[in-house]
C-alpha atoms as a PDB file:
ATOM      1  CA  UNK A   1     120.120 155.229 105.628  1.00  0.00           C
ATOM      2  CA  UNK A   2     120.501 152.819 108.500  1.00  0.00           C
ATOM      3  CA  UNK A   3     119.303 153.880 111.971  1.00  0.00           C
ATOM      4  CA  UNK A   4     121.247 152.639 114.917  1.00  0.00           C
ATOM      5  CA  UNK A   5     118.532 151.735 117.446  1.00  0.00           C
ATOM      6  CA  UNK A   6     120.938 151.441 120.371  1.00  0.00           C
ATOM      7  CA  UNK A   7     122.254 154.960 119.654  1.00  0.00           C
ATOM      8  CA  UNK A   8     118.706 156.367 119.660  1.00  0.00           C
ATOM      9  CA  UNK A   9     117.878 154.587 122.932  1.00  0.00           C
ATOM     10  CA  UNK A  10     121.130 155.887 124.473  1.00  0.00           C
ATOM     11  CA  UNK A  11     120.343 159.483 123.380  1.00  0.00           C
ATOM     12  CA  UNK A  12     116.795 159.247 124.765  1.00  0.00           C
ATOM     13  CA  UNK A  13     118.049 157.856 128.073  1.00  0.00           C
ATOM     14  CA  UNK A  14     120.654 160.614 128.339  1.00  0.00           C
ATOM     15  CA  UNK A  15     118.071 163.336 127.637  1.00  0.00           C
ATOM     16  CA  UNK A  16     115.750 161.878 130.304  1.00  0.00           C
ATOM     17  CA  UNK A  17     118.593 161.954 132.831  1.00  0.00           C
ATOM     18  CA  UNK A  18     119.320 165.601 131.986  1.00  0.00           C
ATOM     19  CA  UNK A  19     115.615 166.483 132.319  1.00  0.00           C
ATOM     20  CA  UNK A  20     115.372 164.646 135.667  1.00  0.00           C
ATOM     21  CA  UNK A  21     118.489 166.382 137.023  1.00  0.00           C
ATOM     22  CA  UNK A  22     117.156 169.761 135.841  1.00  0.00           C
ATOM     23  CA  UNK A  23     113.771 169.167 137.512  1.00  0.00           C
ATOM     24  CA  UNK A  24     115.516 168.105 140.734  1.00  0.00           C
ATOM     25  CA  UNK A  25     117.731 171.218 140.668  1.00  0.00           C
ATOM     26  CA  UNK A  26     114.608 173.388 140.282  1.00  0.00           C
ATOM     27  CA  UNK A  27     112.925 171.632 143.213  1.00  0.00           C
ATOM     28  CA  UNK A  28     116.094 171.968 145.316  1.00  0.00           C
ATOM     29  CA  UNK A  29     116.264 175.717 144.572  1.00  0.00           C
ATOM     30  CA  UNK A  30     112.578 176.115 145.575  1.00  0.00           C
ATOM     31  CA  UNK A  31     113.220 174.290 148.857  1.00  0.00           C
ATOM     32  CA  UNK A  32     116.338 176.384 149.473  1.00  0.00           C
ATOM     33  CA  UNK A  33     114.405 179.643 148.914  1.00  0.00           C
ATOM     34  CA  UNK A  34     111.602 178.375 151.159  1.00  0.00           C
ATOM     35  CA  UNK A  35     114.086 177.453 153.902  1.00  0.00           C
ATOM     36  CA  UNK A  36     115.834 180.828 153.627  1.00  0.00           C
ATOM     37  CA  UNK A  37     112.573 182.779 153.749  1.00  0.00           C
ATOM     38  CA  UNK A  38     111.387 180.774 156.764  1.00  0.00           C
ATOM     39  CA  UNK A  39     114.678 181.454 158.562  1.00  0.00           C
ATOM     40  CA  UNK A  40     114.656 185.187 157.741  1.00  0.00           C
ATOM     41  CA  UNK A  41     111.003 185.726 158.766  1.00  0.00           C
ATOM     42  CA  UNK A  42     111.019 183.243 161.660  1.00  0.00           C
ATOM     43  CA  UNK A  43     109.820 185.776 164.250  1.00  0.00           C
ATOM     44  CA  UNK A  44     106.837 186.860 162.133  1.00  0.00           C
ATOM     45  CA  UNK A  45     105.993 183.329 160.999  1.00  0.00           C
ATOM     46  CA  UNK A  46     105.937 182.062 164.595  1.00  0.00           C
ATOM     47  CA  UNK A  47     103.632 184.984 165.492  1.00  0.00           C
ATOM     48  CA  UNK A  48     101.333 183.930 162.644  1.00  0.00           C
ATOM     49  CA  UNK A  49     101.175 180.355 163.990  1.00  0.00           C
ATOM     50  CA  UNK A  50     100.140 181.496 167.423  1.00  0.00           C
ATOM     51  CA  UNK A  51      97.904 184.450 166.528  1.00  0.00           C
ATOM     52  CA  UNK A  52      94.620 184.346 168.430  1.00  0.00           C
ATOM     53  CA  UNK A  53      91.689 184.420 166.019  1.00  0.00           C
ATOM     54  CA  UNK A  54      88.583 186.519 166.609  1.00  0.00           C
ATOM     55  CA  UNK A  55      85.335 185.393 165.020  1.00  0.00           C
ATOM     56  CA  UNK A  56      84.193 188.111 162.651  1.00  0.00           C
ATOM     57  CA  UNK A  57      80.416 187.701 162.484  1.00  0.00           C
ATOM     58  CA  UNK A  58      80.045 189.690 159.300  1.00  0.00           C
ATOM     59  CA  UNK A  59      82.449 189.906 156.372  1.00  0.00           C
ATOM     60  CA  UNK A  60      81.639 192.519 153.724  1.00  0.00           C
ATOM     61  CA  UNK A  61      80.426 191.125 150.401  1.00  0.00           C
ATOM     62  CA  UNK A  62      81.462 194.195 148.394  1.00  0.00           C
ATOM     63  CA  UNK A  63      84.193 196.821 148.417  1.00  0.00           C
ATOM     64  CA  UNK A  64      81.620 199.494 149.321  1.00  0.00           C
ATOM     65  CA  UNK A  65      80.483 197.534 152.377  1.00  0.00           C
ATOM     66  CA  UNK A  66      84.097 196.978 153.440  1.00  0.00           C
ATOM     67  CA  UNK A  67      84.711 200.739 153.491  1.00  0.00           C
ATOM     68  CA  UNK A  68      82.140 201.018 156.288  1.00  0.00           C
ATOM     69  CA  UNK A  69      84.102 198.725 158.635  1.00  0.00           C
ATOM     70  CA  UNK A  70      87.730 199.698 158.217  1.00  0.00           C
ATOM     71  CA  UNK A  71      90.299 197.819 160.307  1.00  0.00           C
ATOM     72  CA  UNK A  72      93.438 199.669 161.385  1.00  0.00           C
ATOM     73  CA  UNK A  73      96.556 197.549 160.969  1.00  0.00           C
ATOM     74  CA  UNK A  74      98.702 198.637 163.915  1.00  0.00           C
ATOM     75  CA  UNK A  75      99.397 195.260 165.466  1.00  0.00           C
ATOM     76  CA  UNK A  76      98.889 191.609 164.669  1.00  0.00           C
ATOM     77  CA  UNK A  77      95.341 190.644 163.777  1.00  0.00           C
ATOM     78  CA  UNK A  78      93.611 187.304 163.446  1.00  0.00           C
ATOM     79  CA  UNK A  79      90.128 186.482 162.197  1.00  0.00           C
ATOM     80  CA  UNK A  80      87.805 183.589 161.592  1.00  0.00           C
ATOM     81  CA  UNK A  81      85.376 184.625 158.886  1.00  0.00           C
ATOM     82  CA  UNK A  82      82.993 183.228 156.298  1.00  0.00           C
ATOM     83  CA  UNK A  83      82.983 184.072 152.603  1.00  0.00           C
ATOM     84  CA  UNK A  84      79.663 184.940 150.923  1.00  0.00           C
ATOM     85  CA  UNK A  85      77.612 182.720 148.588  1.00  0.00           C
ATOM     86  CA  UNK A  86      79.834 183.735 145.669  1.00  0.00           C
ATOM     87  CA  UNK A  87      82.956 182.701 147.590  1.00  0.00           C
ATOM     88  CA  UNK A  88      84.154 186.275 148.163  1.00  0.00           C
ATOM     89  CA  UNK A  89      84.750 188.624 151.062  1.00  0.00           C
ATOM     90  CA  UNK A  90      86.326 192.040 151.594  1.00  0.00           C
ATOM     91  CA  UNK A  91      88.208 193.706 154.439  1.00  0.00           C
ATOM     92  CA  UNK A  92      89.196 197.356 154.310  1.00  0.00           C
ATOM     93  CA  UNK A  93      92.614 197.809 155.890  1.00  0.00           C
ATOM     94  CA  UNK A  94      93.765 201.190 157.198  1.00  0.00           C
ATOM     95  CA  UNK A  95      97.531 201.370 156.708  1.00  0.00           C
ATOM     96  CA  UNK A  96      99.096 204.039 158.917  1.00  0.00           C
ATOM     97  CA  UNK A  97     102.685 204.073 157.582  1.00  0.00           C
ATOM     98  CA  UNK A  98     104.396 204.458 154.245  1.00  0.00           C
ATOM     99  CA  UNK A  99     105.823 201.318 152.670  1.00  0.00           C
ATOM    100  CA  UNK A 100     104.123 198.948 155.120  1.00  0.00           C
ATOM    101  CA  UNK A 101     104.900 195.271 154.622  1.00  0.00           C
ATOM    102  CA  UNK A 102     102.264 192.756 155.662  1.00  0.00           C
ATOM    103  CA  UNK A 103     102.499 189.011 156.102  1.00  0.00           C
ATOM    104  CA  UNK A 104      99.200 187.133 155.781  1.00  0.00           C
ATOM    105  CA  UNK A 105      98.753 183.579 156.994  1.00  0.00           C
ATOM    106  CA  UNK A 106      95.671 181.948 155.464  1.00  0.00           C
ATOM    107  CA  UNK A 107      93.940 178.797 154.251  1.00  0.00           C
ATOM    108  CA  UNK A 108      95.763 177.273 151.292  1.00  0.00           C
ATOM    109  CA  UNK A 109      92.674 177.182 149.109  1.00  0.00           C
ATOM    110  CA  UNK A 110      91.874 180.904 149.114  1.00  0.00           C
ATOM    111  CA  UNK A 111      93.285 183.697 147.008  1.00  0.00           C
ATOM    112  CA  UNK A 112      94.185 187.127 148.429  1.00  0.00           C
ATOM    113  CA  UNK A 113      94.391 190.370 146.460  1.00  0.00           C
ATOM    114  CA  UNK A 114      95.144 193.957 147.486  1.00  0.00           C
ATOM    115  CA  UNK A 115      94.717 196.366 144.568  1.00  0.00           C
ATOM    116  CA  UNK A 116      97.419 199.021 144.879  1.00  0.00           C
ATOM    117  CA  UNK A 117      99.642 196.695 146.881  1.00  0.00           C
ATOM    118  CA  UNK A 118     102.337 194.370 145.579  1.00  0.00           C
ATOM    119  CA  UNK A 119     102.605 190.646 146.271  1.00  0.00           C
ATOM    120  CA  UNK A 120     106.231 190.111 147.290  1.00  0.00           C
ATOM    121  CA  UNK A 121     105.879 186.419 148.082  1.00  0.00           C
ATOM    122  CA  UNK A 122     103.132 183.820 147.821  1.00  0.00           C
ATOM    123  CA  UNK A 123     102.404 180.115 148.163  1.00  0.00           C
ATOM    124  CA  UNK A 124     104.898 179.967 151.020  1.00  0.00           C
ATOM    125  CA  UNK A 125     104.650 177.133 153.482  1.00  0.00           C
ATOM    126  CA  UNK A 126     105.161 178.250 157.069  1.00  0.00           C
ATOM    127  CA  UNK A 127     107.643 175.677 158.398  1.00  0.00           C
ATOM    128  CA  UNK A 128     107.053 176.821 161.980  1.00  0.00           C
ATOM    129  CA  UNK A 129     103.346 175.876 162.095  1.00  0.00           C
ATOM    130  CA  UNK A 130     103.231 172.121 162.217  1.00  0.00           C
ATOM    131  CA  UNK A 131      99.837 170.664 161.379  1.00  0.00           C
ATOM    132  CA  UNK A 132      98.371 173.940 160.078  1.00  0.00           C
ATOM    133  CA  UNK A 133      97.466 173.585 156.408  1.00  0.00           C
ATOM    134  CA  UNK A 134      97.971 177.238 155.444  1.00  0.00           C
ATOM    135  CA  UNK A 135     100.049 179.484 153.171  1.00  0.00           C
ATOM    136  CA  UNK A 136     101.886 182.728 153.715  1.00  0.00           C
ATOM    137  CA  UNK A 137     101.442 185.667 151.337  1.00  0.00           C
ATOM    138  CA  UNK A 138     103.568 188.822 151.623  1.00  0.00           C
ATOM    139  CA  UNK A 139     102.180 192.221 150.554  1.00  0.00           C
ATOM    140  CA  UNK A 140     103.844 195.604 150.309  1.00  0.00           C
ATOM    141  CA  UNK A 141     101.725 198.753 150.489  1.00  0.00           C
ATOM    142  CA  UNK A 142     103.467 201.867 149.253  1.00  0.00           C
ATOM    143  CA  UNK A 143     101.510 204.657 150.924  1.00  0.00           C
ATOM    144  CA  UNK A 144      99.484 205.114 154.056  1.00  0.00           C
ATOM    145  CA  UNK A 145      95.748 204.987 153.498  1.00  0.00           C
ATOM    146  CA  UNK A 146      93.002 202.473 152.839  1.00  0.00           C
ATOM    147  CA  UNK A 147      93.536 199.220 150.982  1.00  0.00           C
ATOM    148  CA  UNK A 148      90.804 196.689 150.288  1.00  0.00           C
ATOM    149  CA  UNK A 149      91.762 193.058 150.813  1.00  0.00           C
ATOM    150  CA  UNK A 150      89.726 190.696 148.628  1.00  0.00           C
ATOM    151  CA  UNK A 151      89.458 187.055 149.681  1.00  0.00           C
ATOM    152  CA  UNK A 152      88.272 184.516 147.113  1.00  0.00           C
ATOM    153  CA  UNK A 153      87.484 180.874 147.767  1.00  0.00           C
ATOM    154  CA  UNK A 154      84.506 178.532 147.822  1.00  0.00           C
ATOM    155  CA  UNK A 155      80.933 179.669 148.509  1.00  0.00           C
ATOM    156  CA  UNK A 156      80.285 180.075 152.269  1.00  0.00           C
ATOM    157  CA  UNK A 157      83.811 178.885 153.048  1.00  0.00           C
ATOM    158  CA  UNK A 158      85.116 179.340 156.587  1.00  0.00           C
ATOM    159  CA  UNK A 159      88.487 181.076 156.492  1.00  0.00           C
ATOM    160  CA  UNK A 160      91.216 181.762 159.017  1.00  0.00           C
ATOM    161  CA  UNK A 161      93.379 184.819 158.380  1.00  0.00           C
ATOM    162  CA  UNK A 162      96.227 186.311 160.391  1.00  0.00           C
ATOM    163  CA  UNK A 163      97.814 189.635 159.464  1.00  0.00           C
ATOM    164  CA  UNK A 164     101.307 190.273 160.817  1.00  0.00           C
ATOM    165  CA  UNK A 165     103.334 193.420 160.183  1.00  0.00           C
ATOM    166  CA  UNK A 166     106.826 192.672 158.949  1.00  0.00           C
ATOM    167  CA  UNK A 167     109.458 193.627 161.500  1.00  0.00           C
ATOM    168  CA  UNK A 168     111.935 196.232 160.226  1.00  0.00           C
ATOM    169  CA  UNK A 169     115.457 194.875 160.020  1.00  0.00           C
END
């Protein structure tokens, strides 16, 4: 059996072109979704860019501690805070409405979790905040009540966090 080397090279080159086009299409779709999301949530994202940050002198190190300093989410909030020596911190959020949607603007290198809430978007670059190296994460809470926000990052890391309520459309 004789192998045609030029045919093999041609097939390999063609498959690389298909792979490259496919990867570019995926990247283009991601950019398109990012652009659309930034256009749709422009009002909230601009609020996040300009949110005044209050220095929070103490951030709870456990869920139990967080329950003692509940924060009511009725308006936009912004905090500068420091994670503990394990790289964690907790905020207890009092949600006053059913099906509340929250937009959180935060350092890129931290992870946010809200048990009982759903992440409806993450790793979103805010295209309205030039020079701010931060991500947007969207959360949906289904019921009114208390939700504990867990922040995870590096030990003793300084964090900036803005919480914006999604505007009903």
